[in-house]
Amino acid sequence: MSKQNRRIKRLYLYEEDGNSIKLYFGETSTLEGLNALEKKSKIKVVIVGATLYKNYGWASEKELPNFNQVEELIEFLRNEGDIGLIDFELEIVGKGKMTSYDDRECKFILNDKKYGIGILKRLTPENQSNFIIGTLLKNKGIYVTVDSENNVQKFSSFDEFIKLK
């Protein structure tokens, strides 16, 4: 693995589709994704698939408590520790949805660009946030990695990125 590849922390994607924007964050936990949302946002948990929650073996959203706001779900996940999240989907009422897979990648489909830019700001390193957001806005629909020295790599597909890992 090259020195540059070792510095890459996260894979990003920004897309616009009509009135919605789509954001992808690789190497991002569900909890990190939730922490990027406004804490008082109203939510509805749509799908949960977890392997380590209590003694269920496979727990779905039916086995979890109901949550009304992001901060309630964050508190629950912090208190429970690793519940083995495999599949997760959350409706952000009036804003869109967030999904995660294997607790390592988060996707957002949002109907509010300003809200989406806020999520981008919170999920990018503070000292690189403006650079990364600018890079994504100039490269819509392209997967992008940015290392700690602002070296950018672009990938036309997720599969292209995986081949280099």
Protein backbone atom coordinates (compact mmCIF):
# COMPACT_ATOMS: atom_id res chain seq x y z
CA MET A 1 0.00 0.00 0.00
CA SER A 2 1.41 3.39 -0.93
CA LYS A 3 2.11 6.09 1.64
CA GLN A 4 -0.69 8.19 0.15
CA ASN A 5 -3.27 5.38 0.46
CA ARG A 6 -2.44 4.94 4.17
CA ARG A 7 -3.36 8.59 4.80
CA ILE A 8 -6.81 8.24 3.21
CA LYS A 9 -9.44 8.16 5.91
CA ARG A 10 -12.79 8.40 4.19
CA LEU A 11 -14.44 7.98 0.80
CA TYR A 12 -16.98 10.67 -0.12
CA LEU A 13 -19.65 11.09 -2.78
CA TYR A 14 -21.92 14.06 -3.45
CA GLU A 15 -24.73 13.83 -6.00
CA GLU A 16 -27.65 16.04 -6.90
CA ASP A 17 -30.79 14.51 -8.34
CA GLY A 18 -33.60 16.95 -9.02
CA ASN A 19 -34.59 18.38 -5.67
CA SER A 20 -32.58 15.92 -3.58
CA ILE A 21 -28.95 15.47 -2.72
CA LYS A 22 -27.20 12.21 -1.97
CA LEU A 23 -24.19 11.94 0.30
CA TYR A 24 -22.00 8.89 0.85
CA PHE A 25 -19.38 8.50 3.58
CA GLY A 26 -17.20 5.40 3.62
CA GLU A 27 -15.50 4.31 6.85
CA THR A 28 -18.17 6.14 8.83
CA SER A 29 -20.07 4.49 11.68
CA THR A 30 -23.79 4.79 12.22
CA LEU A 31 -23.12 6.75 15.40
CA GLU A 32 -20.85 9.19 13.51
CA GLY A 33 -23.60 9.67 10.93
CA LEU A 34 -26.19 10.27 13.64
CA ASN A 35 -23.93 12.78 15.36
CA ALA A 36 -23.84 14.79 12.13
CA LEU A 37 -27.61 15.31 12.32
CA GLU A 38 -29.31 18.06 14.29
CA LYS A 39 -29.93 16.52 17.72
CA LYS A 40 -33.54 17.69 17.98
CA SER A 41 -34.49 16.40 14.53
CA LYS A 42 -37.59 14.22 14.58
CA ILE A 43 -36.91 10.68 13.41
CA LYS A 44 -38.49 7.36 12.67
CA VAL A 45 -36.37 4.21 12.69
CA VAL A 46 -37.43 2.24 9.61
CA ILE A 47 -35.01 -0.72 9.51
CA VAL A 48 -32.59 -2.21 12.01
CA GLY A 49 -30.67 -5.42 11.66
CA ALA A 50 -28.35 -6.08 14.61
CA THR A 51 -26.57 -9.23 15.74
CA LEU A 52 -25.44 -8.31 19.26
CA TYR A 53 -28.48 -6.63 20.84
CA LYS A 54 -29.40 -8.42 24.05
CA ASN A 55 -30.05 -12.12 23.41
CA TYR A 56 -32.04 -11.83 20.21
CA GLY A 57 -29.44 -13.25 17.84
CA TRP A 58 -30.94 -11.06 15.13
CA ALA A 59 -32.71 -7.94 16.36
CA SER A 60 -34.87 -5.78 14.15
CA GLU A 61 -36.42 -2.37 14.71
CA LYS A 62 -39.29 -4.18 16.51
CA GLU A 63 -36.99 -5.19 19.38
CA LEU A 64 -35.63 -1.68 19.94
CA PRO A 65 -37.39 1.07 21.87
CA ASN A 66 -39.14 3.84 19.95
CA PHE A 67 -37.17 7.01 19.36
CA ASN A 68 -38.60 10.44 18.56
CA GLN A 69 -35.43 12.51 18.21
CA VAL A 70 -31.87 11.92 17.06
CA GLU A 71 -30.46 12.61 20.52
CA GLU A 72 -32.54 9.76 22.03
CA LEU A 73 -31.15 7.26 19.52
CA ILE A 74 -27.58 8.49 20.05
CA GLU A 75 -27.95 8.10 23.82
CA PHE A 76 -29.37 4.59 23.38
CA LEU A 77 -26.49 3.48 21.12
CA ARG A 78 -23.88 4.96 23.43
CA ASN A 79 -25.41 3.27 26.48
CA GLU A 80 -25.83 -0.11 24.74
CA GLY A 81 -22.37 -0.18 23.18
CA ASP A 82 -21.80 -2.30 20.10
CA ILE A 83 -25.11 -3.90 19.10
CA GLY A 84 -23.69 -5.36 15.88
CA LEU A 85 -25.49 -3.07 13.43
CA ILE A 86 -25.59 -4.64 9.97
CA ASP A 87 -28.48 -2.80 8.36
CA PHE A 88 -29.96 0.54 9.41
CA GLU A 89 -32.42 3.02 7.92
CA LEU A 90 -33.72 6.16 9.54
CA GLU A 91 -36.29 8.66 8.31
CA ILE A 92 -35.33 12.20 9.24
CA VAL A 93 -38.83 13.69 9.31
CA GLY A 94 -39.17 16.47 6.75
CA LYS A 95 -35.50 16.22 5.69
CA GLY A 96 -34.89 12.80 4.11
CA LYS A 97 -33.26 9.59 5.23
CA MET A 98 -30.02 8.10 6.49
CA THR A 99 -28.90 4.53 5.95
CA SER A 100 -25.86 2.61 7.11
CA TYR A 101 -24.42 -0.75 6.20
CA ASP A 102 -22.14 -2.91 8.36
CA ASP A 103 -21.74 0.10 10.66
CA ARG A 104 -19.00 1.35 8.30
CA GLU A 105 -20.68 3.38 5.62
CA CYS A 106 -23.41 6.01 5.81
CA LYS A 107 -25.62 7.36 3.07
CA PHE A 108 -27.99 10.30 3.20
CA ILE A 109 -30.72 11.23 0.75
CA LEU A 110 -31.94 14.69 1.63
CA ASN A 111 -34.43 17.17 0.25
CA ASP A 112 -32.60 20.19 1.70
CA LYS A 113 -29.18 21.13 0.26
CA LYS A 114 -28.36 23.46 3.17
CA TYR A 115 -29.05 20.64 5.65
CA GLY A 116 -26.83 18.35 3.57
CA ILE A 117 -23.95 20.84 3.53
CA GLY A 118 -24.26 21.00 7.33
CA ILE A 119 -23.87 17.21 7.48
CA LEU A 120 -20.82 17.44 5.21
CA LYS A 121 -19.27 20.06 7.51
CA ARG A 122 -19.80 17.87 10.56
CA LEU A 123 -18.44 14.71 8.90
CA THR A 124 -15.27 16.21 7.49
CA PRO A 125 -12.17 17.18 9.45
CA GLU A 126 -12.63 20.77 10.63
CA ASN A 127 -9.33 21.97 9.12
CA GLN A 128 -10.24 20.45 5.73
CA SER A 129 -13.99 20.91 5.66
CA ASN A 130 -14.16 23.78 3.17
CA PHE A 131 -11.60 22.15 0.87
CA ILE A 132 -13.41 18.79 0.88
CA ILE A 133 -16.85 20.35 0.36
CA GLY A 134 -15.52 22.47 -2.52
CA THR A 135 -13.91 19.39 -4.06
CA LEU A 136 -17.17 17.42 -3.81
CA LEU A 137 -19.28 20.23 -5.28
CA LYS A 138 -16.88 20.45 -8.25
CA ASN A 139 -16.96 16.66 -8.71
CA LYS A 140 -20.63 15.73 -8.38
CA GLY A 141 -21.26 12.04 -8.91
CA ILE A 142 -17.58 11.14 -8.49
CA TYR A 143 -16.23 9.21 -5.49
CA VAL A 144 -13.48 11.24 -3.85
CA THR A 145 -10.85 10.65 -1.19
CA VAL A 146 -8.83 13.45 0.38
CA ASP A 147 -5.81 12.72 2.53
CA SER A 148 -4.49 14.86 5.38
CA GLU A 149 -2.35 16.86 2.94
CA ASN A 150 -5.35 17.64 0.67
CA ASN A 151 -4.26 15.22 -2.05
CA VAL A 152 -7.40 14.25 -3.95
CA GLN A 153 -8.09 10.91 -5.62
CA LYS A 154 -11.17 10.49 -7.82
CA PHE A 155 -12.99 7.29 -8.69
CA SER A 156 -15.75 6.87 -11.25
CA SER A 157 -17.27 4.01 -9.24
CA PHE A 158 -17.12 2.35 -5.86
CA ASP A 159 -15.69 -0.76 -7.53
CA GLU A 160 -12.79 1.30 -8.90
CA PHE A 161 -12.01 2.50 -5.37
CA ILE A 162 -12.20 -1.06 -3.93
CA LYS A 163 -9.66 -2.31 -6.46
CA LEU A 164 -7.07 0.11 -5.04
CA LYS A 165 -7.65 -0.81 -1.39
